[in-house]
N, C-alpha and C. Protein backbone atom coordinates (compact mmCIF):
# COMPACT_ATOMS: atom_id res chain seq x y z
N MET A 1 11.95 -4.68 32.42
CA MET A 1 11.87 -3.59 31.50
C MET A 1 10.32 -3.72 31.55
N ASN A 2 9.51 -2.01 31.55
CA ASN A 2 8.26 -2.48 30.69
C ASN A 2 8.13 -2.75 29.54
N LYS A 3 6.89 -2.87 28.88
CA LYS A 3 6.83 -3.00 27.67
C LYS A 3 6.99 -2.03 26.63
N ASN A 4 6.39 -0.75 27.27
CA ASN A 4 6.78 0.54 26.40
C ASN A 4 8.22 0.53 26.37
N THR A 5 9.31 0.68 27.01
CA THR A 5 10.41 0.98 27.06
C THR A 5 11.19 -0.34 26.24
N ARG A 6 10.40 -1.36 26.29
CA ARG A 6 11.19 -2.46 25.61
C ARG A 6 10.79 -2.52 23.98
N SER A 7 9.38 -1.86 23.64
CA SER A 7 9.22 -1.54 22.16
C SER A 7 10.28 -0.36 21.55
N LEU A 8 10.33 0.60 22.63
CA LEU A 8 11.11 1.62 22.19
C LEU A 8 12.49 1.50 21.94
N VAL A 9 13.21 0.50 22.57
CA VAL A 9 14.55 0.11 22.35
C VAL A 9 14.14 -0.80 21.17
N TYR A 10 13.28 -1.45 20.89
CA TYR A 10 13.43 -2.36 19.56
C TYR A 10 13.60 -1.54 18.60
N ALA A 11 12.45 -0.29 18.71
CA ALA A 11 12.27 0.18 17.56
C ALA A 11 13.30 0.91 17.06
N ALA A 12 13.82 1.73 18.10
CA ALA A 12 15.29 2.36 17.92
C ALA A 12 16.41 1.36 17.03
N VAL A 13 16.50 -0.22 17.48
CA VAL A 13 17.66 -0.79 17.01
C VAL A 13 17.10 -1.09 15.23
N CYS A 14 15.76 -1.38 15.28
CA CYS A 14 15.28 -1.37 14.29
C CYS A 14 15.58 -0.22 12.80
N LEU A 15 15.57 0.88 13.66
CA LEU A 15 15.69 2.08 12.60
C LEU A 15 17.25 2.38 12.70
N ALA A 16 18.02 1.81 13.19
CA ALA A 16 19.33 2.02 13.32
C ALA A 16 19.91 1.16 12.15
N LEU A 17 19.19 -0.24 12.13
CA LEU A 17 19.22 -1.30 11.01
C LEU A 17 18.92 -0.80 9.72
N CYS A 18 17.81 -0.11 9.60
CA CYS A 18 17.39 0.88 8.30
C CYS A 18 18.54 1.76 7.87
N MET A 19 19.37 2.16 8.75
CA MET A 19 20.42 3.38 8.31
C MET A 19 21.50 2.44 7.84
N ILE A 20 22.13 0.86 8.63
CA ILE A 20 22.87 0.59 8.45
C ILE A 20 23.14 -0.54 7.30
N LEU A 21 22.01 -1.40 6.96
CA LEU A 21 22.02 -2.37 5.99
C LEU A 21 22.24 -1.88 4.71
N PRO A 22 21.38 -0.94 4.48
CA PRO A 22 21.72 -0.47 2.81
C PRO A 22 23.34 -0.32 2.73
N VAL A 23 24.02 0.32 3.51
CA VAL A 23 25.23 0.29 3.60
C VAL A 23 26.33 -0.76 3.19
N ILE A 24 25.66 -2.34 3.81
CA ILE A 24 26.21 -3.46 3.45
C ILE A 24 25.61 -3.64 2.40
N THR A 25 24.75 -3.67 2.10
CA THR A 25 24.30 -4.61 0.78
C THR A 25 24.62 -3.84 -0.46
N MET A 26 24.93 -2.21 -0.62
CA MET A 26 25.14 -1.53 -1.40
C MET A 26 26.86 -2.33 -2.30
N ARG A 27 27.30 -3.19 -1.56
CA ARG A 27 28.58 -3.56 -1.89
C ARG A 27 28.24 -4.61 -3.02
N LEU A 28 26.88 -5.16 -2.74
CA LEU A 28 26.68 -6.09 -3.99
C LEU A 28 25.91 -5.36 -5.01
N GLN A 29 26.74 -5.06 -6.15
CA GLN A 29 26.52 -4.11 -6.78
C GLN A 29 25.01 -4.75 -7.66
N ALA A 30 25.28 -5.88 -7.98
CA ALA A 30 24.50 -6.16 -9.37
C ALA A 30 22.87 -6.15 -8.53
N ILE A 31 22.66 -6.71 -7.10
CA ILE A 31 21.39 -6.78 -6.62
C ILE A 31 21.17 -6.37 -5.56
N GLY A 32 22.34 -5.26 -5.03
CA GLY A 32 22.04 -4.89 -3.73
C GLY A 32 20.71 -4.05 -3.44
N ASN A 33 20.81 -3.18 -4.26
CA ASN A 33 19.26 -2.38 -3.93
C ASN A 33 18.26 -3.08 -4.40
N MET A 34 18.20 -4.20 -5.22
CA MET A 34 17.16 -5.10 -5.10
C MET A 34 16.92 -5.91 -3.89
N LEU A 35 17.56 -5.94 -2.89
CA LEU A 35 17.33 -6.73 -1.50
C LEU A 35 16.44 -5.86 -0.90
N SER A 36 16.11 -4.50 -1.09
CA SER A 36 15.49 -3.81 0.04
C SER A 36 15.89 -3.80 1.42
N PRO A 37 17.30 -3.60 1.42
CA PRO A 37 17.69 -3.70 2.97
C PRO A 37 16.50 -3.04 3.88
N MET A 38 15.83 -1.69 3.71
CA MET A 38 15.26 -1.04 4.91
C MET A 38 14.03 -1.68 5.05
N HIS A 39 13.48 -2.63 4.37
CA HIS A 39 12.04 -3.30 4.33
C HIS A 39 12.43 -4.19 5.65
N ILE A 40 13.34 -5.17 5.92
CA ILE A 40 13.59 -5.95 6.76
C ILE A 40 13.56 -5.46 8.25
N PRO A 41 14.17 -4.44 8.75
CA PRO A 41 14.15 -3.91 9.71
C PRO A 41 12.61 -3.87 9.91
N VAL A 42 12.07 -3.05 9.31
CA VAL A 42 10.49 -2.36 9.24
C VAL A 42 9.63 -3.51 9.52
N LEU A 43 9.61 -4.56 8.95
CA LEU A 43 8.87 -5.75 8.56
C LEU A 43 9.02 -6.46 10.22
N LEU A 44 10.50 -6.45 10.83
CA LEU A 44 10.80 -7.08 11.54
C LEU A 44 10.12 -6.31 13.01
N ALA A 45 9.83 -4.86 12.65
CA ALA A 45 9.53 -3.98 13.90
C ALA A 45 8.01 -4.46 14.09
N GLY A 46 7.35 -4.50 13.39
CA GLY A 46 5.83 -4.91 13.12
C GLY A 46 5.99 -6.17 14.03
N PHE A 47 6.79 -7.01 14.03
CA PHE A 47 6.67 -8.43 15.20
C PHE A 47 7.20 -8.26 16.30
N LEU A 48 8.04 -7.07 16.69
CA LEU A 48 8.76 -7.03 17.92
C LEU A 48 8.02 -6.11 18.76
N CYS A 49 7.80 -4.84 17.97
CA CYS A 49 7.56 -3.90 18.65
C CYS A 49 5.73 -3.48 18.47
N GLY A 50 5.32 -4.36 17.71
CA GLY A 50 3.62 -3.91 17.38
C GLY A 50 3.61 -2.85 16.36
N PRO A 51 2.37 -2.89 16.18
CA PRO A 51 1.79 -1.74 14.52
C PRO A 51 2.24 -0.12 14.75
N VAL A 52 2.28 0.11 16.07
CA VAL A 52 2.10 1.91 16.35
C VAL A 52 3.74 2.17 16.10
N TRP A 53 4.49 1.53 17.05
CA TRP A 53 6.13 1.34 16.69
C TRP A 53 6.28 1.28 15.43
N ALA A 54 6.15 0.12 15.13
CA ALA A 54 6.35 -0.52 13.36
C ALA A 54 6.23 0.87 12.32
N LEU A 55 5.02 1.38 12.52
CA LEU A 55 4.60 2.68 11.72
C LEU A 55 5.61 3.73 11.62
N ALA A 56 5.78 3.60 12.99
CA ALA A 56 6.68 5.08 13.01
C ALA A 56 7.81 4.91 12.46
N VAL A 57 8.50 3.51 12.85
CA VAL A 57 10.10 3.19 12.18
C VAL A 57 10.11 3.31 10.42
N GLY A 58 8.91 2.91 10.16
CA GLY A 58 8.86 3.06 8.64
C GLY A 58 8.72 3.87 7.83
N ALA A 59 7.85 4.66 8.79
CA ALA A 59 7.41 6.23 8.28
C ALA A 59 9.14 6.97 8.16
N ALA A 60 9.90 7.04 9.30
CA ALA A 60 11.08 7.76 9.67
C ALA A 60 11.80 7.36 8.84
N ALA A 61 12.12 5.85 8.50
CA ALA A 61 13.49 5.40 8.11
C ALA A 61 14.17 5.81 6.64
N PRO A 62 12.81 6.06 5.89
CA PRO A 62 13.41 6.51 4.42
C PRO A 62 13.74 7.87 4.39
N LEU A 63 13.36 8.91 5.05
CA LEU A 63 13.37 10.30 5.25
C LEU A 63 14.75 10.75 5.91
N LEU A 64 14.84 10.15 7.21
CA LEU A 64 16.00 10.22 7.92
C LEU A 64 17.29 9.50 6.93
N ARG A 65 16.84 8.41 6.37
CA ARG A 65 18.28 7.93 5.53
C ARG A 65 18.76 8.96 4.33
N SER A 66 17.60 9.36 3.71
CA SER A 66 17.56 10.36 2.69
C SER A 66 18.28 11.47 3.03
N LEU A 67 18.28 12.34 4.46
CA LEU A 67 18.42 13.34 4.78
C LEU A 67 20.15 13.15 5.57
N LEU A 68 20.30 11.82 6.03
CA LEU A 68 21.29 11.82 6.42
C LEU A 68 22.38 11.36 5.40
N PHE A 69 22.15 10.50 4.38
CA PHE A 69 23.31 10.10 3.84
C PHE A 69 23.04 10.45 2.05
N GLY A 70 21.63 11.04 1.89
CA GLY A 70 21.52 11.33 0.55
C GLY A 70 20.81 10.42 -0.57
N MET A 71 20.31 9.15 0.21
CA MET A 71 20.06 8.04 -0.82
C MET A 71 18.71 7.33 0.29
N PRO A 72 17.58 6.74 0.09
CA PRO A 72 17.18 7.24 -1.45
C PRO A 72 17.03 8.85 -1.72
N PRO A 73 16.64 9.01 -2.91
CA PRO A 73 16.54 10.67 -3.10
C PRO A 73 15.13 11.19 -2.50
N LEU A 74 15.17 11.93 -1.93
CA LEU A 74 14.23 12.47 -1.16
C LEU A 74 12.91 12.45 -1.95
N PHE A 75 12.75 13.04 -2.97
CA PHE A 75 11.58 13.36 -3.92
C PHE A 75 11.69 12.38 -5.30
N PRO A 76 11.12 11.51 -5.66
CA PRO A 76 9.82 11.23 -5.06
C PRO A 76 10.08 9.66 -4.22
N THR A 77 11.10 9.55 -4.37
CA THR A 77 11.60 7.76 -3.97
C THR A 77 11.43 7.53 -2.20
N ALA A 78 12.34 8.82 -1.48
CA ALA A 78 12.48 8.24 -0.19
C ALA A 78 10.65 8.61 0.40
N THR A 79 10.35 9.68 -0.09
CA THR A 79 8.79 10.03 -0.18
C THR A 79 7.84 8.84 0.04
N ALA A 80 8.04 8.41 -1.24
CA ALA A 80 6.77 7.29 -1.58
C ALA A 80 7.09 6.30 -0.73
N MET A 81 8.41 5.65 -0.45
CA MET A 81 8.71 4.45 0.27
C MET A 81 8.43 4.97 2.10
N CYS A 82 8.57 6.00 2.50
CA CYS A 82 8.00 6.67 4.06
C CYS A 82 6.51 5.93 3.98
N PHE A 83 5.44 5.93 2.98
CA PHE A 83 4.07 5.73 2.93
C PHE A 83 4.40 3.94 2.91
N GLU A 84 5.05 3.32 1.94
CA GLU A 84 5.37 2.07 1.86
C GLU A 84 5.94 1.28 3.00
N LEU A 85 6.76 1.56 3.65
CA LEU A 85 7.14 1.15 5.06
C LEU A 85 6.61 1.48 6.13
N ALA A 86 5.96 2.70 6.18
CA ALA A 86 4.96 2.70 7.40
C ALA A 86 3.99 1.69 7.23
N THR A 87 3.38 1.52 6.22
CA THR A 87 2.28 0.49 5.96
C THR A 87 2.67 -1.03 6.20
N TYR A 88 4.00 -1.19 5.89
CA TYR A 88 4.58 -2.40 6.09
C TYR A 88 4.68 -2.47 7.53
N GLY A 89 5.38 -1.95 8.19
CA GLY A 89 5.22 -2.07 9.84
C GLY A 89 3.89 -2.24 10.55
N LEU A 90 2.92 -1.00 9.94
CA LEU A 90 1.44 -1.53 10.80
C LEU A 90 0.42 -2.66 10.21
N VAL A 91 0.84 -3.04 9.15
CA VAL A 91 0.46 -4.29 8.51
C VAL A 91 0.82 -5.50 9.50
N SER A 92 2.16 -5.46 9.07
CA SER A 92 2.76 -6.80 9.96
C SER A 92 2.37 -6.73 10.81
N GLY A 93 2.51 -5.64 12.00
CA GLY A 93 2.06 -5.43 13.56
C GLY A 93 0.74 -5.77 13.88
N LEU A 94 -0.06 -5.08 13.21
CA LEU A 94 -1.47 -5.65 13.31
C LEU A 94 -2.14 -7.25 12.81
N LEU A 95 -1.48 -7.68 11.66
CA LEU A 95 -2.08 -8.85 11.51
C LEU A 95 -1.64 -10.10 12.53
N PHE A 96 -0.07 -9.74 12.84
CA PHE A 96 0.63 -10.31 13.57
C PHE A 96 -0.34 -10.49 15.38
N LYS A 97 -0.48 -9.36 15.53
CA LYS A 97 -0.88 -8.77 16.72
C LYS A 97 -2.74 -9.74 16.81
N LEU A 98 -3.50 -9.83 15.70
CA LEU A 98 -4.48 -10.23 15.79
C LEU A 98 -4.72 -11.64 15.42
N LEU A 99 -3.98 -11.67 14.57
CA LEU A 99 -3.91 -13.70 14.29
C LEU A 99 -3.50 -14.56 15.09
N PRO A 100 -4.10 -15.52 15.18
CA PRO A 100 -3.58 -16.63 16.55
C PRO A 100 -1.98 -16.83 15.82
N LYS A 101 -1.26 -17.13 16.97
CA LYS A 101 0.13 -17.28 16.86
C LYS A 101 0.64 -18.82 16.36
N SER A 102 1.20 -18.87 15.06
CA SER A 102 1.57 -19.91 14.15
C SER A 102 2.20 -19.47 13.27
N ARG A 103 3.18 -20.55 13.00
CA ARG A 103 3.94 -20.80 11.81
C ARG A 103 3.33 -19.84 10.57
N ALA A 104 2.37 -20.59 10.21
CA ALA A 104 1.66 -20.17 9.13
C ALA A 104 1.26 -18.61 8.91
N ASN A 105 0.91 -18.36 9.97
CA ASN A 105 0.36 -16.93 10.73
C ASN A 105 1.81 -15.67 10.53
N ILE A 106 2.74 -16.26 10.87
CA ILE A 106 3.94 -15.57 10.63
C ILE A 106 3.89 -14.99 9.23
N TYR A 107 3.92 -16.18 8.22
CA TYR A 107 3.85 -15.94 6.80
C TYR A 107 2.56 -14.92 5.97
N VAL A 108 1.55 -15.13 6.71
CA VAL A 108 0.11 -14.59 6.69
C VAL A 108 0.60 -13.09 6.59
N SER A 109 0.70 -12.38 7.49
CA SER A 109 1.56 -11.30 8.33
C SER A 109 2.30 -10.97 7.43
N LEU A 110 3.46 -11.67 7.28
CA LEU A 110 4.65 -10.99 6.42
C LEU A 110 3.99 -10.42 5.03
N ILE A 111 3.60 -11.67 4.14
CA ILE A 111 3.41 -11.44 2.89
C ILE A 111 1.76 -10.43 2.86
N GLY A 112 0.85 -10.40 3.99
CA GLY A 112 -0.41 -9.31 3.63
C GLY A 112 0.53 -7.88 3.98
N ALA A 113 1.62 -7.57 4.60
CA ALA A 113 2.11 -6.59 4.68
C ALA A 113 2.99 -6.40 3.43
N MET A 114 3.55 -7.01 2.76
CA MET A 114 4.19 -6.94 1.92
C MET A 114 3.46 -6.29 0.60
N LEU A 115 2.46 -7.06 0.16
CA LEU A 115 1.34 -6.74 -0.60
C LEU A 115 0.72 -5.45 -0.36
N CYS A 116 0.18 -5.44 0.78
CA CYS A 116 -0.40 -3.92 1.14
C CYS A 116 0.71 -2.88 1.05
N GLY A 117 1.71 -2.94 1.41
CA GLY A 117 2.85 -1.95 1.28
C GLY A 117 3.19 -1.33 -0.14
N ARG A 118 3.27 -2.47 -0.99
CA ARG A 118 3.53 -2.04 -2.42
C ARG A 118 2.51 -1.69 -3.11
N ILE A 119 1.33 -1.85 -2.76
CA ILE A 119 0.03 -1.01 -3.10
C ILE A 119 0.00 0.29 -2.73
N VAL A 120 0.31 0.51 -1.66
CA VAL A 120 0.36 1.96 -0.94
C VAL A 120 1.82 2.57 -1.77
N TRP A 121 2.96 2.14 -2.26
CA TRP A 121 3.72 2.51 -2.73
C TRP A 121 3.15 3.07 -4.01
N GLY A 122 2.76 2.36 -4.75
CA GLY A 122 2.37 2.60 -6.09
C GLY A 122 1.23 3.63 -6.22
N ILE A 123 0.17 4.09 -5.23
CA ILE A 123 -0.76 4.64 -5.11
C ILE A 123 0.04 6.45 -4.71
N ALA A 124 1.42 6.13 -4.01
CA ALA A 124 2.08 7.44 -3.47
C ALA A 124 2.82 7.73 -4.66
N MET A 125 3.53 6.70 -5.26
CA MET A 125 4.27 7.01 -6.56
C MET A 125 3.38 8.07 -7.52
N ALA A 126 2.23 7.41 -8.08
CA ALA A 126 1.32 8.01 -8.83
C ALA A 126 0.95 9.30 -8.35
N VAL A 127 0.38 9.62 -7.23
CA VAL A 127 0.02 10.77 -6.64
C VAL A 127 1.36 11.82 -6.64
N LEU A 128 2.25 11.35 -6.04
CA LEU A 128 3.77 12.18 -6.22
C LEU A 128 4.26 12.79 -7.64
N LEU A 129 4.10 11.67 -8.47
CA LEU A 129 4.84 12.14 -9.90
C LEU A 129 3.36 12.90 -10.51
N GLY A 130 2.10 12.61 -10.19
CA GLY A 130 1.31 13.25 -11.01
C GLY A 130 1.16 15.01 -10.04
N LEU A 131 1.63 15.13 -9.01
CA LEU A 131 1.76 16.34 -8.53
C LEU A 131 3.06 17.07 -9.28
N SER A 132 4.10 16.56 -9.68
CA SER A 132 4.96 16.93 -10.30
C SER A 132 4.93 17.04 -11.68
N GLY A 133 3.75 16.68 -12.64
CA GLY A 133 3.61 16.90 -13.62
C GLY A 133 3.86 15.53 -14.35
N GLY A 134 4.48 14.55 -13.91
CA GLY A 134 4.94 13.25 -14.27
C GLY A 134 3.89 12.15 -14.48
N GLN A 135 4.09 11.09 -14.62
CA GLN A 135 3.24 9.86 -15.04
C GLN A 135 3.65 8.63 -14.21
N PHE A 136 3.18 7.94 -13.53
CA PHE A 136 3.33 6.58 -13.10
C PHE A 136 2.37 5.70 -13.75
N THR A 137 3.15 4.74 -14.83
CA THR A 137 2.20 3.93 -15.36
C THR A 137 2.09 2.34 -14.61
N MET A 138 1.21 1.57 -14.85
CA MET A 138 0.76 0.49 -14.69
C MET A 138 2.11 -0.41 -14.84
N ALA A 139 2.66 -0.22 -15.69
CA ALA A 139 4.27 -0.58 -16.25
C ALA A 139 5.13 -0.90 -15.36
N ALA A 140 5.04 0.61 -14.82
CA ALA A 140 6.26 1.02 -13.89
C ALA A 140 5.82 0.42 -12.38
N PHE A 141 4.83 0.27 -12.40
CA PHE A 141 4.46 0.03 -10.97
C PHE A 141 4.51 -1.69 -11.17
N ILE A 142 4.25 -2.27 -11.67
CA ILE A 142 4.41 -3.71 -11.83
C ILE A 142 6.16 -3.85 -11.60
N ALA A 143 6.86 -3.41 -12.52
CA ALA A 143 8.07 -3.17 -12.33
C ALA A 143 8.94 -2.93 -11.02
N GLY A 144 8.21 -1.59 -10.62
CA GLY A 144 8.91 -1.30 -9.37
C GLY A 144 8.75 -2.35 -8.35
N ALA A 145 7.26 -2.80 -7.93
CA ALA A 145 6.75 -3.19 -6.94
C ALA A 145 7.04 -4.78 -6.94
N PHE A 146 7.27 -5.32 -8.33
CA PHE A 146 7.62 -6.94 -8.33
C PHE A 146 8.41 -7.45 -9.10
N THR A 147 8.49 -6.80 -10.32
CA THR A 147 9.62 -7.82 -10.98
C THR A 147 10.90 -7.37 -10.74
N ASN A 148 11.31 -6.32 -10.30
CA ASN A 148 12.78 -5.64 -10.07
C ASN A 148 12.73 -5.99 -8.33
N ALA A 149 11.94 -5.90 -7.85
CA ALA A 149 11.81 -6.71 -6.18
C ALA A 149 12.11 -8.17 -6.26
N ILE A 150 12.07 -8.80 -7.14
CA ILE A 150 11.79 -10.17 -6.65
C ILE A 150 13.17 -11.22 -5.89
N PRO A 151 14.47 -10.43 -5.74
CA PRO A 151 15.29 -10.87 -4.97
C PRO A 151 15.10 -10.40 -3.53
N GLY A 152 14.47 -9.51 -3.66
CA GLY A 152 14.20 -8.70 -2.24
C GLY A 152 12.89 -9.70 -1.39
N ILE A 153 12.23 -9.92 -2.01
CA ILE A 153 10.65 -10.33 -2.07
C ILE A 153 11.47 -11.88 -1.70
N ILE A 154 11.88 -12.69 -2.45
CA ILE A 154 12.31 -13.95 -1.96
C ILE A 154 13.24 -13.93 -0.59
N LEU A 155 14.32 -12.74 -0.56
CA LEU A 155 14.86 -12.71 0.55
C LEU A 155 13.95 -12.51 2.05
N HIS A 156 13.19 -11.67 1.76
CA HIS A 156 12.54 -11.45 2.95
C HIS A 156 11.44 -12.74 3.41
N ILE A 157 10.62 -13.39 2.38
CA ILE A 157 9.85 -14.40 2.69
C ILE A 157 10.67 -15.44 3.46
N VAL A 158 11.94 -15.85 3.27
CA VAL A 158 13.09 -16.92 3.66
C VAL A 158 13.56 -16.12 4.87
N LEU A 159 14.15 -14.91 5.11
CA LEU A 159 14.62 -14.45 6.22
C LEU A 159 13.77 -14.18 7.46
N ILE A 160 12.97 -13.28 7.06
CA ILE A 160 12.34 -12.64 8.52
C ILE A 160 11.33 -13.81 9.19
N PRO A 161 10.41 -14.76 8.66
CA PRO A 161 10.01 -15.84 9.19
C PRO A 161 11.06 -16.59 10.15
N LEU A 162 12.38 -16.72 9.31
CA LEU A 162 13.30 -17.46 10.39
C LEU A 162 13.54 -16.85 11.74
N ILE A 163 13.74 -15.47 11.25
CA ILE A 163 14.19 -14.71 12.31
C ILE A 163 13.16 -14.35 13.58
N VAL A 164 11.94 -14.48 13.14
CA VAL A 164 11.07 -14.02 14.07
C VAL A 164 10.92 -15.53 14.75
N MET A 165 10.62 -16.82 14.38
CA MET A 165 10.69 -17.95 15.23
C MET A 165 11.97 -17.98 16.25
N ALA A 166 13.18 -17.66 15.63
CA ALA A 166 14.39 -17.59 16.55
C ALA A 166 14.07 -16.82 17.65
N LEU A 167 13.44 -15.80 17.39
CA LEU A 167 13.02 -14.41 18.23
C LEU A 167 11.89 -15.33 19.32
N GLN A 168 11.02 -16.02 18.67
CA GLN A 168 10.21 -16.64 19.77
C GLN A 168 10.65 -17.46 20.54
N ARG A 169 11.74 -18.50 19.89
CA ARG A 169 12.14 -19.64 20.92
C ARG A 169 12.78 -18.80 22.15
N ALA A 170 13.58 -17.80 21.77
CA ALA A 170 14.44 -17.01 22.77
C ALA A 170 13.45 -16.41 23.57
N GLY A 171 12.15 -16.33 23.41
CA GLY A 171 11.41 -15.70 24.08
C GLY A 171 11.24 -14.17 24.14
N ILE A 172 11.73 -13.88 23.29
CA ILE A 172 11.80 -11.96 22.98
C ILE A 172 10.42 -11.74 22.42
N ILE A 173 9.70 -12.89 21.50
CA ILE A 173 8.51 -12.45 20.50
C ILE A 173 7.64 -13.45 21.08
N GLU A 174 6.61 -13.23 21.72
CA GLU A 174 5.58 -14.06 22.02
C GLU A 174 4.85 -15.00 21.08
N LYS A 175 4.79 -16.51 21.66
CA LYS A 175 4.67 -17.73 20.67
C LYS A 175 3.03 -17.39 20.55
């Protein structure tokens, strides 16, 4: 299978996981939403498919999920997440592609993408809420991007590098 076809298939699988994982985690009522389940396949897409395909998965996932399942709400949540997840995919894919292949750089790529995505989410929320007459304060940004997201941040930092390293050992991702 050529590289473009493989990337397309991996991107489709990641997009499908973006639809399925929130259904599974919503059963964990107290923290299910805080695990940021759509973020996992998008970040993995950066490592699997590269920046362009991962950007497409990240941009499409929240909008598609909102249209199909009604969650997250289209405005402002899914719209802001569209920018956030597109940034996750783009940055994780770019950093992983550009940095030397090492375990440490898996974490650098992941954490760099998570920080950039959260900043873009904050900007998108401020713009979207500003356009609708609302306000997005620094306290709301800190709460939404970091404080309320701690379970998801921990999960992503633990789980995603393990999956990437396993996929490297399996020869699916280049070492």
